[in-house]
Amino acid sequence: MTITVMALLSINEDATEDLAAYMQATQPLLKKAGAVIRQRFTINDVVVGSSGAKSVVVVDYPDRAAVDAVFQSPEYLAVREHRDRAFPFYQINVIETAELPKMPDTASAGTTEETV
């Protein structure tokens, strides 16, 4: 079953060498795991709340074992210091599609019908 990962991150523009070292180490890991980057987004504005993230990257992995193979590999663990300098905000999330809760129909509020 495909596993989707959403990375929320911000890049430290002053840490280009650390970013390069991180990318050099992680790109082969993603390829080996069969991961595919699906989308990249830039966060332009936070409407409610606060966010340290400036970018969102959505990545599909073949399964959970592939996700773990990347993030628990000795190669990945070896570049943590580069990662921490390159990304002041870095969060990896496993996500899945979920049904939205049904909202009461405001047009029928006050009627005798039950809203579930």
N, C-alpha and C. Protein backbone atom coordinates (compact mmCIF):
# COMPACT_ATOMS: atom_id res chain seq x y z
N MET A 1 0.84 -1.17 0.00
CA MET A 1 0.00 0.00 0.00
C MET A 1 0.89 1.24 0.00
N THR A 2 0.61 2.17 -0.87
CA THR A 2 1.38 3.40 -0.96
C THR A 2 1.21 4.22 0.32
N ILE A 3 2.32 4.75 0.80
CA ILE A 3 2.33 5.61 1.98
C ILE A 3 2.72 7.01 1.52
N THR A 4 1.94 8.01 1.92
CA THR A 4 2.24 9.39 1.56
C THR A 4 2.84 10.10 2.76
N VAL A 5 3.93 10.80 2.49
CA VAL A 5 4.63 11.56 3.51
C VAL A 5 4.57 13.04 3.12
N MET A 6 4.27 13.88 4.11
CA MET A 6 4.25 15.32 3.89
C MET A 6 5.37 15.92 4.74
N ALA A 7 6.31 16.56 4.07
CA ALA A 7 7.41 17.24 4.77
C ALA A 7 7.10 18.72 4.84
N LEU A 8 7.12 19.26 6.05
CA LEU A 8 6.99 20.69 6.27
C LEU A 8 8.37 21.19 6.63
N LEU A 9 8.86 22.19 5.91
CA LEU A 9 10.23 22.62 6.17
C LEU A 9 10.48 24.06 5.80
N SER A 10 11.57 24.57 6.33
CA SER A 10 12.11 25.87 5.96
C SER A 10 13.60 25.66 5.72
N ILE A 11 14.12 26.31 4.71
CA ILE A 11 15.53 26.17 4.36
C ILE A 11 16.31 27.37 4.88
N ASN A 12 17.45 27.08 5.49
CA ASN A 12 18.37 28.12 5.94
C ASN A 12 19.23 28.52 4.74
N GLU A 13 18.98 29.70 4.20
CA GLU A 13 19.69 30.17 3.00
C GLU A 13 21.19 30.35 3.23
N ASP A 14 21.60 30.43 4.50
CA ASP A 14 23.02 30.60 4.82
C ASP A 14 23.75 29.26 5.01
N ALA A 15 23.05 28.16 4.84
CA ALA A 15 23.66 26.84 5.07
C ALA A 15 23.67 26.02 3.78
N THR A 16 24.15 26.63 2.70
CA THR A 16 24.12 25.95 1.40
C THR A 16 24.97 24.69 1.37
N GLU A 17 26.10 24.68 2.07
CA GLU A 17 26.95 23.47 2.10
C GLU A 17 26.26 22.34 2.85
N ASP A 18 25.59 22.68 3.94
CA ASP A 18 24.85 21.66 4.69
C ASP A 18 23.68 21.12 3.88
N LEU A 19 22.99 22.01 3.17
CA LEU A 19 21.88 21.58 2.32
C LEU A 19 22.39 20.65 1.22
N ALA A 20 23.51 21.01 0.61
CA ALA A 20 24.07 20.17 -0.45
C ALA A 20 24.48 18.80 0.09
N ALA A 21 25.08 18.76 1.27
CA ALA A 21 25.49 17.48 1.87
C ALA A 21 24.26 16.62 2.19
N TYR A 22 23.21 17.26 2.68
CA TYR A 22 21.97 16.55 3.00
C TYR A 22 21.34 15.98 1.74
N MET A 23 21.23 16.80 0.71
CA MET A 23 20.61 16.35 -0.54
C MET A 23 21.44 15.24 -1.20
N GLN A 24 22.75 15.37 -1.16
CA GLN A 24 23.62 14.36 -1.74
C GLN A 24 23.43 13.00 -1.06
N ALA A 25 23.19 13.02 0.23
CA ALA A 25 23.00 11.77 0.97
C ALA A 25 21.58 11.22 0.81
N THR A 26 20.57 12.09 0.77
CA THR A 26 19.19 11.61 0.79
C THR A 26 18.62 11.25 -0.57
N GLN A 27 19.07 11.90 -1.64
CA GLN A 27 18.51 11.58 -2.96
C GLN A 27 18.70 10.12 -3.34
N PRO A 28 19.89 9.53 -3.14
CA PRO A 28 20.02 8.09 -3.44
C PRO A 28 19.16 7.21 -2.53
N LEU A 29 18.94 7.64 -1.28
CA LEU A 29 18.09 6.87 -0.37
C LEU A 29 16.65 6.85 -0.87
N LEU A 30 16.17 8.00 -1.31
CA LEU A 30 14.80 8.07 -1.84
C LEU A 30 14.66 7.19 -3.08
N LYS A 31 15.63 7.26 -3.97
CA LYS A 31 15.58 6.46 -5.19
C LYS A 31 15.59 4.97 -4.86
N LYS A 32 16.48 4.57 -3.97
CA LYS A 32 16.58 3.16 -3.57
C LYS A 32 15.28 2.66 -2.94
N ALA A 33 14.61 3.53 -2.18
CA ALA A 33 13.36 3.16 -1.50
C ALA A 33 12.17 3.17 -2.45
N GLY A 34 12.33 3.71 -3.66
CA GLY A 34 11.22 3.80 -4.59
C GLY A 34 10.30 4.97 -4.30
N ALA A 35 10.81 5.97 -3.59
CA ALA A 35 10.01 7.14 -3.25
C ALA A 35 9.92 8.07 -4.46
N VAL A 36 8.75 8.72 -4.59
CA VAL A 36 8.51 9.64 -5.70
C VAL A 36 7.98 10.95 -5.12
N ILE A 37 8.68 12.06 -5.43
CA ILE A 37 8.19 13.37 -5.00
C ILE A 37 7.02 13.74 -5.90
N ARG A 38 5.85 13.92 -5.29
CA ARG A 38 4.61 14.20 -6.05
C ARG A 38 4.36 15.67 -6.24
N GLN A 39 4.55 16.46 -5.17
CA GLN A 39 4.26 17.88 -5.27
C GLN A 39 5.14 18.66 -4.30
N ARG A 40 5.38 19.90 -4.68
CA ARG A 40 6.08 20.85 -3.82
C ARG A 40 5.22 22.11 -3.77
N PHE A 41 5.11 22.67 -2.58
CA PHE A 41 4.34 23.89 -2.40
C PHE A 41 5.18 24.90 -1.63
N THR A 42 4.95 26.17 -1.87
CA THR A 42 5.51 27.24 -1.07
C THR A 42 4.40 27.81 -0.21
N ILE A 43 4.66 27.97 1.08
CA ILE A 43 3.68 28.57 1.97
C ILE A 43 3.87 30.08 1.88
N ASN A 44 2.87 30.76 1.35
CA ASN A 44 2.96 32.21 1.15
C ASN A 44 2.49 33.00 2.36
N ASP A 45 1.50 32.46 3.07
CA ASP A 45 0.91 33.22 4.15
C ASP A 45 0.26 32.26 5.13
N VAL A 46 0.40 32.52 6.41
CA VAL A 46 -0.29 31.76 7.44
C VAL A 46 -1.47 32.60 7.89
N VAL A 47 -2.67 32.10 7.70
CA VAL A 47 -3.87 32.85 8.01
C VAL A 47 -4.22 32.75 9.49
N VAL A 48 -4.09 31.55 10.06
CA VAL A 48 -4.39 31.33 11.47
C VAL A 48 -3.25 30.52 12.06
N GLY A 49 -2.81 30.88 13.23
CA GLY A 49 -1.74 30.14 13.89
C GLY A 49 -0.37 30.62 13.45
N SER A 50 0.62 29.86 13.87
CA SER A 50 1.99 30.20 13.49
C SER A 50 2.62 28.99 12.83
N SER A 51 3.55 29.25 11.97
CA SER A 51 4.21 28.16 11.28
C SER A 51 5.65 28.53 11.02
N GLY A 52 6.54 27.61 11.29
CA GLY A 52 7.93 27.80 10.95
C GLY A 52 8.22 27.27 9.56
N ALA A 53 7.26 26.56 8.98
CA ALA A 53 7.46 25.96 7.66
C ALA A 53 7.26 27.00 6.57
N LYS A 54 8.09 26.92 5.55
CA LYS A 54 7.97 27.77 4.37
C LYS A 54 7.65 26.96 3.12
N SER A 55 7.82 25.63 3.22
CA SER A 55 7.58 24.75 2.08
C SER A 55 6.91 23.46 2.54
N VAL A 56 6.18 22.86 1.61
CA VAL A 56 5.56 21.55 1.81
C VAL A 56 6.00 20.68 0.64
N VAL A 57 6.46 19.47 0.95
CA VAL A 57 6.83 18.51 -0.08
C VAL A 57 6.05 17.23 0.19
N VAL A 58 5.35 16.73 -0.83
CA VAL A 58 4.56 15.51 -0.71
C VAL A 58 5.29 14.40 -1.46
N VAL A 59 5.56 13.31 -0.75
CA VAL A 59 6.34 12.20 -1.30
C VAL A 59 5.57 10.90 -1.10
N ASP A 60 5.48 10.09 -2.15
CA ASP A 60 4.87 8.76 -2.05
C ASP A 60 5.96 7.71 -1.93
N TYR A 61 5.77 6.79 -1.00
CA TYR A 61 6.65 5.65 -0.80
C TYR A 61 5.84 4.39 -1.10
N PRO A 62 6.50 3.32 -1.54
CA PRO A 62 5.76 2.09 -1.85
C PRO A 62 5.04 1.50 -0.63
N ASP A 63 5.63 1.64 0.56
CA ASP A 63 5.04 1.09 1.77
C ASP A 63 5.74 1.70 2.98
N ARG A 64 5.26 1.36 4.18
CA ARG A 64 5.85 1.93 5.40
C ARG A 64 7.29 1.46 5.60
N ALA A 65 7.59 0.25 5.18
CA ALA A 65 8.96 -0.25 5.31
C ALA A 65 9.93 0.63 4.53
N ALA A 66 9.51 1.15 3.39
CA ALA A 66 10.37 2.03 2.58
C ALA A 66 10.61 3.35 3.31
N VAL A 67 9.58 3.88 3.97
CA VAL A 67 9.74 5.11 4.75
C VAL A 67 10.77 4.88 5.85
N ASP A 68 10.59 3.80 6.59
CA ASP A 68 11.51 3.48 7.69
C ASP A 68 12.92 3.21 7.18
N ALA A 69 13.03 2.59 6.01
CA ALA A 69 14.35 2.30 5.43
C ALA A 69 15.12 3.59 5.18
N VAL A 70 14.44 4.63 4.77
CA VAL A 70 15.10 5.92 4.53
C VAL A 70 15.48 6.58 5.85
N PHE A 71 14.50 6.81 6.72
CA PHE A 71 14.71 7.64 7.90
C PHE A 71 15.44 6.93 9.03
N GLN A 72 15.57 5.62 8.95
CA GLN A 72 16.32 4.89 9.97
C GLN A 72 17.64 4.34 9.45
N SER A 73 17.98 4.68 8.21
CA SER A 73 19.21 4.16 7.61
C SER A 73 20.44 4.83 8.23
N PRO A 74 21.55 4.13 8.27
CA PRO A 74 22.79 4.74 8.77
C PRO A 74 23.19 5.97 7.95
N GLU A 75 22.92 5.95 6.64
CA GLU A 75 23.26 7.08 5.78
C GLU A 75 22.45 8.32 6.17
N TYR A 76 21.16 8.12 6.46
CA TYR A 76 20.33 9.25 6.87
C TYR A 76 20.75 9.77 8.24
N LEU A 77 20.95 8.86 9.15
CA LEU A 77 21.34 9.26 10.51
C LEU A 77 22.68 10.01 10.51
N ALA A 78 23.54 9.70 9.56
CA ALA A 78 24.85 10.34 9.48
C ALA A 78 24.77 11.80 9.05
N VAL A 79 23.67 12.22 8.44
CA VAL A 79 23.56 13.61 7.97
C VAL A 79 22.62 14.45 8.83
N ARG A 80 22.29 13.98 10.01
CA ARG A 80 21.38 14.74 10.89
C ARG A 80 21.91 16.13 11.22
N GLU A 81 23.21 16.25 11.46
CA GLU A 81 23.76 17.57 11.78
C GLU A 81 23.62 18.52 10.59
N HIS A 82 23.87 18.01 9.39
CA HIS A 82 23.66 18.84 8.19
C HIS A 82 22.19 19.22 8.07
N ARG A 83 21.30 18.25 8.30
CA ARG A 83 19.85 18.51 8.22
C ARG A 83 19.45 19.62 9.20
N ASP A 84 19.94 19.51 10.43
CA ASP A 84 19.55 20.47 11.45
C ASP A 84 20.04 21.88 11.15
N ARG A 85 21.18 22.01 10.49
CA ARG A 85 21.67 23.34 10.11
C ARG A 85 20.97 23.84 8.84
N ALA A 86 20.68 22.94 7.92
CA ALA A 86 20.08 23.33 6.64
C ALA A 86 18.61 23.69 6.77
N PHE A 87 17.92 23.08 7.75
CA PHE A 87 16.48 23.28 7.90
C PHE A 87 16.16 23.74 9.32
N PRO A 88 15.93 25.03 9.55
CA PRO A 88 15.55 25.47 10.88
C PRO A 88 14.20 24.91 11.33
N PHE A 89 13.35 24.58 10.35
CA PHE A 89 12.09 23.89 10.64
C PHE A 89 12.02 22.68 9.74
N TYR A 90 11.82 21.50 10.33
CA TYR A 90 11.82 20.26 9.56
C TYR A 90 10.91 19.27 10.26
N GLN A 91 9.83 18.90 9.60
CA GLN A 91 8.86 17.96 10.18
C GLN A 91 8.40 17.00 9.09
N ILE A 92 8.50 15.70 9.38
CA ILE A 92 8.07 14.66 8.44
C ILE A 92 6.82 14.01 9.02
N ASN A 93 5.76 13.95 8.20
CA ASN A 93 4.47 13.43 8.64
C ASN A 93 3.98 12.36 7.68
N VAL A 94 3.54 11.22 8.21
CA VAL A 94 2.87 10.22 7.40
C VAL A 94 1.40 10.61 7.40
N ILE A 95 0.82 10.74 6.21
CA ILE A 95 -0.56 11.20 6.11
C ILE A 95 -1.40 10.17 5.36
N GLU A 96 -2.70 10.27 5.53
CA GLU A 96 -3.62 9.42 4.78
C GLU A 96 -4.89 10.20 4.51
N THR A 97 -5.59 9.77 3.50
CA THR A 97 -6.86 10.40 3.16
C THR A 97 -7.88 10.02 4.23
N ALA A 98 -8.61 10.99 4.68
CA ALA A 98 -9.63 10.75 5.70
C ALA A 98 -10.94 11.39 5.26
N GLU A 99 -12.02 10.79 5.65
CA GLU A 99 -13.34 11.36 5.37
C GLU A 99 -13.53 12.60 6.22
N LEU A 100 -14.09 13.64 5.62
CA LEU A 100 -14.42 14.83 6.38
C LEU A 100 -15.68 14.56 7.20
N PRO A 101 -15.73 15.09 8.42
CA PRO A 101 -16.96 14.90 9.21
C PRO A 101 -18.10 15.64 8.53
N LYS A 102 -19.28 15.07 8.64
CA LYS A 102 -20.44 15.73 8.06
C LYS A 102 -20.82 16.91 8.92
N MET A 103 -21.03 18.03 8.25
CA MET A 103 -21.40 19.26 8.95
C MET A 103 -22.91 19.40 8.88
N PRO A 104 -23.50 19.93 9.94
CA PRO A 104 -24.96 20.15 9.89
C PRO A 104 -25.31 21.12 8.77
N ASP A 105 -26.40 20.86 8.13
CA ASP A 105 -26.89 21.74 7.06
C ASP A 105 -27.55 22.95 7.72
N THR A 106 -26.91 24.10 7.60
CA THR A 106 -27.45 25.30 8.25
C THR A 106 -28.77 25.74 7.66
N ALA A 107 -29.04 25.36 6.42
CA ALA A 107 -30.30 25.75 5.78
C ALA A 107 -31.48 25.03 6.43
N SER A 108 -31.22 23.82 6.98
CA SER A 108 -32.33 23.08 7.57
C SER A 108 -32.35 23.20 9.09
N ALA A 109 -31.54 24.08 9.65
CA ALA A 109 -31.54 24.25 11.10
C ALA A 109 -32.92 24.70 11.54
N GLY A 110 -33.37 24.11 12.65
CA GLY A 110 -34.67 24.47 13.18
C GLY A 110 -35.79 23.60 12.64
N THR A 111 -35.48 22.67 11.71
CA THR A 111 -36.50 21.74 11.24
C THR A 111 -36.56 20.55 12.17
N THR A 112 -37.51 19.69 11.97
CA THR A 112 -37.67 18.54 12.85
C THR A 112 -36.82 17.35 12.39
N GLU A 113 -36.17 17.45 11.25
CA GLU A 113 -35.32 16.36 10.79
C GLU A 113 -34.04 16.33 11.61
N GLU A 114 -33.58 15.10 11.87
CA GLU A 114 -32.33 14.95 12.61
C GLU A 114 -31.16 15.10 11.65
N THR A 115 -30.12 15.73 12.16
CA THR A 115 -28.88 15.85 11.39
C THR A 115 -27.88 14.90 11.99
N VAL A 116 -27.29 14.06 11.15
CA VAL A 116 -26.32 13.08 11.64
C VAL A 116 -24.94 13.52 11.24
